[in-house]
Amino acid sequence: MLELRAAGETTADLADRIGEDPAWLTRKLHGQTPIDIGDAMKWAVELGVQIIPVFDDGAELKLTLS
């Protein structure tokens, strides 16, 4: 969310660029529905995030963003 604000964009802008429903993306970003590693990577690439987390095991892939 900070990266969106820094870029002067909204969740709807990101949803449009990645081809996802804005309401569904908002739910994911607010931790109301699970995300997978593909979501996290897609958002990072699209937003130009330079630091990507490293996971030691599959249990750490159960992410919830708030």
Protein backbone atom coordinates (compact mmCIF):
# COMPACT_ATOMS: atom_id res chain seq x y z
CA MET A 1 0.00 0.00 0.00
CA LEU A 2 2.86 2.38 0.75
CA GLU A 3 4.31 1.83 -2.71
CA LEU A 4 0.94 2.65 -4.28
CA ARG A 5 0.66 5.87 -2.32
CA ALA A 6 4.26 6.80 -3.11
CA ALA A 7 3.51 6.36 -6.82
CA GLY A 8 0.32 8.44 -6.50
CA GLU A 9 -1.83 5.48 -7.51
CA THR A 10 -4.87 3.68 -6.18
CA THR A 11 -5.67 0.02 -5.71
CA ALA A 12 -7.92 0.30 -8.77
CA ASP A 13 -4.95 1.53 -10.85
CA LEU A 14 -2.86 -1.49 -9.83
CA ALA A 15 -5.78 -3.87 -10.39
CA ASP A 16 -6.23 -2.51 -13.91
CA ARG A 17 -2.53 -2.93 -14.74
CA ILE A 18 -2.35 -6.53 -13.51
CA GLY A 19 -5.78 -7.56 -14.82
CA GLU A 20 -7.40 -8.25 -11.45
CA ASP A 21 -10.79 -7.22 -10.09
CA PRO A 22 -10.29 -4.09 -7.92
CA ALA A 23 -12.59 -5.31 -5.13
CA TRP A 24 -10.81 -8.67 -4.96
CA LEU A 25 -7.38 -7.02 -4.94
CA THR A 26 -8.48 -4.69 -2.13
CA ARG A 27 -9.60 -7.70 -0.08
CA LYS A 28 -6.21 -9.35 -0.62
CA LEU A 29 -4.29 -6.22 0.33
CA HIS A 30 -6.34 -5.83 3.51
CA GLY A 31 -5.81 -9.46 4.58
CA GLN A 32 -9.46 -10.40 4.09
CA THR A 33 -8.57 -13.22 1.69
CA PRO A 34 -5.32 -15.17 1.34
CA ILE A 35 -2.66 -14.34 -1.21
CA ASP A 36 -0.13 -16.68 -2.74
CA ILE A 37 3.51 -16.16 -3.62
CA GLY A 38 2.48 -15.40 -7.20
CA ASP A 39 0.40 -12.46 -6.00
CA ALA A 40 3.22 -11.11 -3.86
CA MET A 41 5.75 -11.39 -6.68
CA LYS A 42 3.39 -9.89 -9.29
CA TRP A 43 2.76 -6.87 -7.07
CA ALA A 44 6.46 -6.44 -6.28
CA VAL A 45 7.45 -6.55 -9.94
CA GLU A 46 4.66 -4.19 -10.99
CA LEU A 47 5.43 -1.68 -8.24
CA GLY A 48 9.20 -1.86 -8.65
CA VAL A 49 9.88 -3.19 -5.15
CA GLN A 50 13.61 -3.88 -4.91
CA ILE A 51 13.63 -6.09 -1.79
CA ILE A 52 11.97 -9.50 -2.11
CA PRO A 53 11.50 -11.69 0.99
CA VAL A 54 13.25 -15.04 1.28
CA PHE A 55 11.26 -17.94 2.72
CA ASP A 56 12.98 -20.80 4.50
CA ASP A 57 10.06 -23.21 4.27
CA GLY A 58 6.55 -23.52 2.87
CA ALA A 59 4.92 -22.68 6.21
CA GLU A 60 6.11 -19.10 5.78
CA LEU A 61 4.14 -18.75 2.54
CA LYS A 62 0.85 -18.33 4.40
CA LEU A 63 0.87 -14.54 4.06
CA THR A 64 -1.65 -12.05 5.31
CA LEU A 65 -1.20 -8.39 4.46
CA SER A 66 -2.77 -5.76 6.62
